[in-house]
PDB file of N, CA and C in Angstrom:
ATOM      1  N   UNK A   1      13.036  -6.977  -8.297  1.00  0.00           N
ATOM      2  CA  UNK A   1      11.869  -8.133  -8.289  1.00  0.00           C
ATOM      3  C   UNK A   1      10.756  -7.280  -8.204  1.00  0.00           C
ATOM      4  N   UNK A   2       9.672  -7.781  -8.681  1.00  0.00           N
ATOM      5  CA  UNK A   2       8.096  -7.139  -8.541  1.00  0.00           C
ATOM      6  C   UNK A   2       7.410  -8.145  -8.890  1.00  0.00           C
ATOM      7  N   UNK A   3       6.387  -8.162  -7.728  1.00  0.00           N
ATOM      8  CA  UNK A   3       5.518  -9.246  -7.937  1.00  0.00           C
ATOM      9  C   UNK A   3       3.730  -8.542  -7.941  1.00  0.00           C
ATOM     10  N   UNK A   4       3.059  -8.683  -8.931  1.00  0.00           N
ATOM     11  CA  UNK A   4       1.526  -8.202  -8.977  1.00  0.00           C
ATOM     12  C   UNK A   4       0.649  -9.483  -9.074  1.00  0.00           C
ATOM     13  N   UNK A   5      -0.430  -9.258  -8.415  1.00  0.00           N
ATOM     14  CA  UNK A   5      -1.535 -10.084  -8.592  1.00  0.00           C
ATOM     15  C   UNK A   5      -2.761  -9.535  -9.378  1.00  0.00           C
ATOM     16  N   UNK A   6      -3.357 -10.201 -10.346  1.00  0.00           N
ATOM     17  CA  UNK A   6      -4.421  -9.729 -11.238  1.00  0.00           C
ATOM     18  C   UNK A   6      -5.577 -10.687 -10.994  1.00  0.00           C
ATOM     19  N   UNK A   7      -6.764 -10.402 -11.473  1.00  0.00           N
ATOM     20  CA  UNK A   7      -8.066 -11.164 -11.320  1.00  0.00           C
ATOM     21  C   UNK A   7      -8.414 -11.336 -12.831  1.00  0.00           C
ATOM     22  N   UNK A   8      -8.386 -12.902 -12.736  1.00  0.00           N
ATOM     23  CA  UNK A   8      -8.658 -13.292 -14.194  1.00  0.00           C
ATOM     24  C   UNK A   8      -9.796 -14.008 -14.065  1.00  0.00           C
ATOM     25  N   UNK A   9     -10.758 -13.553 -15.220  1.00  0.00           N
ATOM     26  CA  UNK A   9     -12.337 -14.124 -15.413  1.00  0.00           C
ATOM     27  C   UNK A   9     -12.253 -15.200 -16.438  1.00  0.00           C
ATOM     28  N   UNK A  10     -12.747 -16.346 -15.991  1.00  0.00           N
ATOM     29  CA  UNK A  10     -12.940 -17.280 -16.925  1.00  0.00           C
ATOM     30  C   UNK A  10     -12.426 -18.510 -16.702  1.00  0.00           C
ATOM     31  N   UNK A  11     -11.310 -18.875 -15.569  1.00  0.00           N
ATOM     32  CA  UNK A  11     -10.541 -19.758 -15.411  1.00  0.00           C
ATOM     33  C   UNK A  11     -11.516 -20.726 -14.635  1.00  0.00           C
ATOM     34  N   UNK A  12     -11.618 -22.281 -14.873  1.00  0.00           N
ATOM     35  CA  UNK A  12     -12.070 -22.904 -14.136  1.00  0.00           C
ATOM     36  C   UNK A  12     -11.599 -24.225 -13.720  1.00  0.00           C
ATOM     37  N   UNK A  13     -10.406 -24.711 -14.074  1.00  0.00           N
ATOM     38  CA  UNK A  13      -9.654 -25.912 -13.934  1.00  0.00           C
ATOM     39  C   UNK A  13      -8.132 -25.639 -13.997  1.00  0.00           C
ATOM     40  N   UNK A  14      -7.332 -26.680 -13.772  1.00  0.00           N
ATOM     41  CA  UNK A  14      -5.842 -26.731 -14.190  1.00  0.00           C
ATOM     42  C   UNK A  14      -5.348 -26.521 -15.450  1.00  0.00           C
ATOM     43  N   UNK A  15      -6.064 -26.924 -16.574  1.00  0.00           N
ATOM     44  CA  UNK A  15      -5.698 -26.630 -17.790  1.00  0.00           C
ATOM     45  C   UNK A  15      -6.075 -25.135 -18.264  1.00  0.00           C
ATOM     46  N   UNK A  16      -6.925 -24.614 -17.439  1.00  0.00           N
ATOM     47  CA  UNK A  16      -6.899 -23.053 -17.729  1.00  0.00           C
ATOM     48  C   UNK A  16      -5.912 -22.287 -17.306  1.00  0.00           C
ATOM     49  N   UNK A  17      -5.312 -23.023 -15.869  1.00  0.00           N
ATOM     50  CA  UNK A  17      -4.138 -22.406 -15.292  1.00  0.00           C
ATOM     51  C   UNK A  17      -2.974 -22.577 -16.133  1.00  0.00           C
ATOM     52  N   UNK A  18      -2.607 -23.619 -16.892  1.00  0.00           N
ATOM     53  CA  UNK A  18      -1.758 -23.974 -17.582  1.00  0.00           C
ATOM     54  C   UNK A  18      -1.663 -22.998 -18.793  1.00  0.00           C
ATOM     55  N   UNK A  19      -2.928 -22.806 -19.383  1.00  0.00           N
ATOM     56  CA  UNK A  19      -2.829 -21.735 -20.498  1.00  0.00           C
ATOM     57  C   UNK A  19      -2.573 -20.354 -20.327  1.00  0.00           C
ATOM     58  N   UNK A  20      -2.939 -19.836 -18.925  1.00  0.00           N
ATOM     59  CA  UNK A  20      -2.655 -18.510 -18.651  1.00  0.00           C
ATOM     60  C   UNK A  20      -1.156 -18.596 -18.296  1.00  0.00           C
ATOM     61  N   UNK A  21      -0.674 -19.724 -17.535  1.00  0.00           N
ATOM     62  CA  UNK A  21       0.771 -19.673 -17.289  1.00  0.00           C
ATOM     63  C   UNK A  21       1.755 -19.586 -18.276  1.00  0.00           C
ATOM     64  N   UNK A  22       1.256 -20.353 -19.301  1.00  0.00           N
ATOM     65  CA  UNK A  22       2.178 -20.565 -20.651  1.00  0.00           C
ATOM     66  C   UNK A  22       2.275 -18.954 -21.193  1.00  0.00           C
ATOM     67  N   UNK A  23       1.218 -18.281 -21.433  1.00  0.00           N
ATOM     68  CA  UNK A  23       1.187 -17.195 -22.206  1.00  0.00           C
ATOM     69  C   UNK A  23       1.881 -16.191 -21.448  1.00  0.00           C
ATOM     70  N   UNK A  24       1.541 -16.023 -20.278  1.00  0.00           N
ATOM     71  CA  UNK A  24       2.587 -15.209 -19.193  1.00  0.00           C
ATOM     72  C   UNK A  24       3.802 -15.150 -19.000  1.00  0.00           C
ATOM     73  N   UNK A  25       4.483 -16.520 -19.035  1.00  0.00           N
ATOM     74  CA  UNK A  25       5.711 -16.765 -18.878  1.00  0.00           C
ATOM     75  C   UNK A  25       6.537 -16.450 -20.494  1.00  0.00           C
ATOM     76  N   UNK A  26       5.720 -16.005 -21.477  1.00  0.00           N
ATOM     77  CA  UNK A  26       6.329 -15.366 -22.757  1.00  0.00           C
ATOM     78  C   UNK A  26       6.800 -14.248 -22.644  1.00  0.00           C
ATOM     79  N   UNK A  27       6.125 -13.344 -21.386  1.00  0.00           N
ATOM     80  CA  UNK A  27       6.421 -11.667 -21.450  1.00  0.00           C
ATOM     81  C   UNK A  27       7.979 -11.521 -20.818  1.00  0.00           C
ATOM     82  N   UNK A  28       8.577 -10.800 -21.573  1.00  0.00           N
ATOM     83  CA  UNK A  28      10.156 -10.645 -21.179  1.00  0.00           C
ATOM     84  C   UNK A  28      10.152 -10.173 -19.486  1.00  0.00           C
ATOM     85  N   UNK A  29      10.923 -10.817 -18.953  1.00  0.00           N
ATOM     86  CA  UNK A  29      11.147 -10.394 -17.473  1.00  0.00           C
ATOM     87  C   UNK A  29      10.584 -11.175 -16.670  1.00  0.00           C
ATOM     88  N   UNK A  30       9.639 -11.575 -17.003  1.00  0.00           N
ATOM     89  CA  UNK A  30       8.849 -12.842 -16.341  1.00  0.00           C
ATOM     90  C   UNK A  30       9.549 -13.791 -15.521  1.00  0.00           C
ATOM     91  N   UNK A  31       9.532 -14.028 -14.176  1.00  0.00           N
ATOM     92  CA  UNK A  31      10.476 -15.162 -13.541  1.00  0.00           C
ATOM     93  C   UNK A  31       9.522 -16.046 -12.764  1.00  0.00           C
ATOM     94  N   UNK A  32       8.293 -15.712 -12.510  1.00  0.00           N
ATOM     95  CA  UNK A  32       7.523 -16.774 -11.803  1.00  0.00           C
ATOM     96  C   UNK A  32       6.057 -16.400 -12.124  1.00  0.00           C
ATOM     97  N   UNK A  33       5.152 -17.401 -12.409  1.00  0.00           N
ATOM     98  CA  UNK A  33       3.588 -17.241 -12.238  1.00  0.00           C
ATOM     99  C   UNK A  33       3.066 -18.552 -11.437  1.00  0.00           C
ATOM    100  N   UNK A  34       1.953 -17.719 -10.423  1.00  0.00           N
ATOM    101  CA  UNK A  34       1.449 -18.583  -9.737  1.00  0.00           C
ATOM    102  C   UNK A  34       0.039 -18.299 -10.148  1.00  0.00           C
ATOM    103  N   UNK A  35      -0.940 -19.441 -10.313  1.00  0.00           N
ATOM    104  CA  UNK A  35      -2.144 -19.295 -10.590  1.00  0.00           C
ATOM    105  C   UNK A  35      -3.094 -19.912  -9.517  1.00  0.00           C
ATOM    106  N   UNK A  36      -4.070 -19.048  -9.067  1.00  0.00           N
ATOM    107  CA  UNK A  36      -4.826 -19.688  -8.027  1.00  0.00           C
ATOM    108  C   UNK A  36      -6.269 -19.692  -8.701  1.00  0.00           C
ATOM    109  N   UNK A  37      -6.708 -21.201  -9.133  1.00  0.00           N
ATOM    110  CA  UNK A  37      -8.023 -21.086  -9.961  1.00  0.00           C
ATOM    111  C   UNK A  37      -9.016 -20.721  -9.069  1.00  0.00           C
ATOM    112  N   UNK A  38      -9.243 -21.275  -7.817  1.00  0.00           N
ATOM    113  CA  UNK A  38     -10.255 -21.340  -7.039  1.00  0.00           C
ATOM    114  C   UNK A  38     -10.566 -19.867  -6.535  1.00  0.00           C
ATOM    115  N   UNK A  39      -9.517 -18.746  -6.593  1.00  0.00           N
ATOM    116  CA  UNK A  39     -10.019 -17.228  -6.298  1.00  0.00           C
ATOM    117  C   UNK A  39      -9.834 -16.519  -7.774  1.00  0.00           C
ATOM    118  N   UNK A  40      -9.534 -17.245  -8.876  1.00  0.00           N
ATOM    119  CA  UNK A  40      -9.583 -16.487 -10.064  1.00  0.00           C
ATOM    120  C   UNK A  40      -8.170 -15.367 -10.361  1.00  0.00           C
ATOM    121  N   UNK A  41      -7.021 -15.884  -9.374  1.00  0.00           N
ATOM    122  CA  UNK A  41      -6.129 -14.665  -9.304  1.00  0.00           C
ATOM    123  C   UNK A  41      -4.906 -15.499  -9.893  1.00  0.00           C
ATOM    124  N   UNK A  42      -4.101 -14.441 -10.438  1.00  0.00           N
ATOM    125  CA  UNK A  42      -2.701 -15.019 -10.990  1.00  0.00           C
ATOM    126  C   UNK A  42      -1.949 -13.891 -10.277  1.00  0.00           C
ATOM    127  N   UNK A  43      -0.662 -14.412  -9.909  1.00  0.00           N
ATOM    128  CA  UNK A  43       0.553 -13.418  -9.272  1.00  0.00           C
ATOM    129  C   UNK A  43       1.404 -13.796 -10.468  1.00  0.00           C
ATOM    130  N   UNK A  44       2.120 -12.671 -10.956  1.00  0.00           N
ATOM    131  CA  UNK A  44       3.337 -12.747 -11.649  1.00  0.00           C
ATOM    132  C   UNK A  44       4.526 -11.846 -11.050  1.00  0.00           C
ATOM    133  N   UNK A  45       5.469 -12.742 -11.202  1.00  0.00           N
ATOM    134  CA  UNK A  45       6.799 -11.961 -10.605  1.00  0.00           C
ATOM    135  C   UNK A  45       7.519 -11.773 -11.799  1.00  0.00           C
ATOM    136  N   UNK A  46       8.555 -10.714 -11.441  1.00  0.00           N
ATOM    137  CA  UNK A  46       9.146 -10.269 -13.067  1.00  0.00           C
ATOM    138  C   UNK A  46      10.334  -9.313 -12.481  1.00  0.00           C
ATOM    139  N   UNK A  47      11.347  -9.381 -13.033  1.00  0.00           N
ATOM    140  CA  UNK A  47      12.582  -8.597 -13.267  1.00  0.00           C
ATOM    141  C   UNK A  47      12.110  -6.951 -12.753  1.00  0.00           C
ATOM    142  N   UNK A  48      11.122  -6.800 -13.532  1.00  0.00           N
ATOM    143  CA  UNK A  48      10.589  -5.272 -13.470  1.00  0.00           C
ATOM    144  C   UNK A  48       9.186  -4.909 -12.975  1.00  0.00           C
ATOM    145  N   UNK A  49       8.501  -3.969 -13.007  1.00  0.00           N
ATOM    146  CA  UNK A  49       7.271  -3.696 -12.833  1.00  0.00           C
ATOM    147  C   UNK A  49       6.658  -3.728 -14.481  1.00  0.00           C
ATOM    148  N   UNK A  50       5.740  -4.646 -14.549  1.00  0.00           N
ATOM    149  CA  UNK A  50       5.162  -4.808 -15.984  1.00  0.00           C
ATOM    150  C   UNK A  50       3.857  -4.060 -16.134  1.00  0.00           C
ATOM    151  N   UNK A  51       3.673  -3.459 -17.345  1.00  0.00           N
ATOM    152  CA  UNK A  51       2.668  -2.646 -17.749  1.00  0.00           C
ATOM    153  C   UNK A  51       1.261  -3.556 -17.691  1.00  0.00           C
ATOM    154  N   UNK A  52       0.306  -3.035 -17.326  1.00  0.00           N
ATOM    155  CA  UNK A  52      -1.131  -3.824 -17.198  1.00  0.00           C
ATOM    156  C   UNK A  52      -1.272  -4.274 -18.461  1.00  0.00           C
ATOM    157  N   UNK A  53      -1.191  -3.446 -19.455  1.00  0.00           N
ATOM    158  CA  UNK A  53      -1.506  -4.008 -20.979  1.00  0.00           C
ATOM    159  C   UNK A  53      -0.891  -4.999 -21.401  1.00  0.00           C
ATOM    160  N   UNK A  54       0.286  -5.030 -21.344  1.00  0.00           N
ATOM    161  CA  UNK A  54       1.148  -6.206 -21.673  1.00  0.00           C
ATOM    162  C   UNK A  54       0.645  -7.742 -21.029  1.00  0.00           C
ATOM    163  N   UNK A  55       0.048  -7.628 -19.581  1.00  0.00           N
ATOM    164  CA  UNK A  55      -0.424  -8.723 -18.905  1.00  0.00           C
ATOM    165  C   UNK A  55      -1.627  -9.011 -19.529  1.00  0.00           C
ATOM    166  N   UNK A  56      -2.486  -8.046 -19.830  1.00  0.00           N
ATOM    167  CA  UNK A  56      -3.846  -8.146 -20.597  1.00  0.00           C
ATOM    168  C   UNK A  56      -3.829  -8.983 -21.874  1.00  0.00           C
ATOM    169  N   UNK A  57      -2.825  -8.293 -22.610  1.00  0.00           N
ATOM    170  CA  UNK A  57      -2.632  -9.054 -23.695  1.00  0.00           C
ATOM    171  C   UNK A  57      -2.177 -10.523 -23.889  1.00  0.00           C
ATOM    172  N   UNK A  58      -1.404 -11.088 -22.790  1.00  0.00           N
ATOM    173  CA  UNK A  58      -1.196 -12.466 -22.541  1.00  0.00           C
ATOM    174  C   UNK A  58      -2.314 -13.045 -22.115  1.00  0.00           C
ATOM    175  N   UNK A  59      -3.186 -12.658 -21.210  1.00  0.00           N
ATOM    176  CA  UNK A  59      -4.150 -13.281 -20.570  1.00  0.00           C
ATOM    177  C   UNK A  59      -5.250 -13.560 -21.641  1.00  0.00           C
ATOM    178  N   UNK A  60      -5.646 -12.410 -22.569  1.00  0.00           N
ATOM    179  CA  UNK A  60      -6.633 -12.354 -23.481  1.00  0.00           C
ATOM    180  C   UNK A  60      -5.933 -13.636 -24.650  1.00  0.00           C
ATOM    181  N   UNK A  61      -4.885 -13.749 -25.010  1.00  0.00           N
ATOM    182  CA  UNK A  61      -4.101 -14.574 -25.779  1.00  0.00           C
ATOM    183  C   UNK A  61      -4.308 -16.270 -25.080  1.00  0.00           C
ATOM    184  N   UNK A  62      -4.485 -16.252 -24.127  1.00  0.00           N
ATOM    185  CA  UNK A  62      -4.732 -17.677 -23.269  1.00  0.00           C
ATOM    186  C   UNK A  62      -6.549 -17.982 -23.384  1.00  0.00           C
ATOM    187  N   UNK A  63      -6.990 -16.877 -23.986  1.00  0.00           N
ATOM    188  CA  UNK A  63      -8.427 -16.961 -24.059  1.00  0.00           C
ATOM    189  C   UNK A  63      -9.306 -16.641 -22.747  1.00  0.00           C
ATOM    190  N   UNK A  64      -8.703 -15.744 -21.609  1.00  0.00           N
ATOM    191  CA  UNK A  64      -9.579 -15.337 -20.820  1.00  0.00           C
ATOM    192  C   UNK A  64      -9.426 -13.811 -20.432  1.00  0.00           C
ATOM    193  N   UNK A  65     -10.304 -13.433 -19.438  1.00  0.00           N
ATOM    194  CA  UNK A  65     -10.133 -11.702 -19.582  1.00  0.00           C
ATOM    195  C   UNK A  65      -9.375 -11.313 -18.195  1.00  0.00           C
ATOM    196  N   UNK A  66      -8.746 -10.512 -18.304  1.00  0.00           N
ATOM    197  CA  UNK A  66      -8.094  -9.480 -17.060  1.00  0.00           C
ATOM    198  C   UNK A  66      -9.241  -8.622 -16.483  1.00  0.00           C
ATOM    199  N   UNK A  67      -9.570  -8.981 -15.163  1.00  0.00           N
ATOM    200  CA  UNK A  67     -10.860  -7.971 -14.702  1.00  0.00           C
ATOM    201  C   UNK A  67      -9.870  -6.772 -14.276  1.00  0.00           C
ATOM    202  N   UNK A  68     -10.378  -5.563 -14.749  1.00  0.00           N
ATOM    203  CA  UNK A  68      -9.773  -4.284 -14.278  1.00  0.00           C
ATOM    204  C   UNK A  68      -9.778  -4.032 -12.804  1.00  0.00           C
ATOM    205  N   UNK A  69      -8.919  -3.521 -12.025  1.00  0.00           N
ATOM    206  CA  UNK A  69      -8.941  -3.004 -10.887  1.00  0.00           C
ATOM    207  C   UNK A  69      -9.865  -1.693 -10.610  1.00  0.00           C
ATOM    208  N   UNK A  70     -10.868  -1.847  -9.602  1.00  0.00           N
ATOM    209  CA  UNK A  70     -11.610  -0.626  -9.208  1.00  0.00           C
ATOM    210  C   UNK A  70     -11.114  -0.122  -8.200  1.00  0.00           C
TER     211      UNK A  70
END
């Protein structure tokens, strides 16, 4: 089991959270998604460690931007 938290730019409401959750749940191996709109973060739980590029594609498909870690 793996859990990773990402910063997502552009989320402002519950609808935003739903769009991001829906896209992330389509990734193979994802077992849970927890969005915190207030902090702009998403925590993804999965069977294995996910490659950040896969997460980025899903977030962008939902219409938002994954903020790179610095």
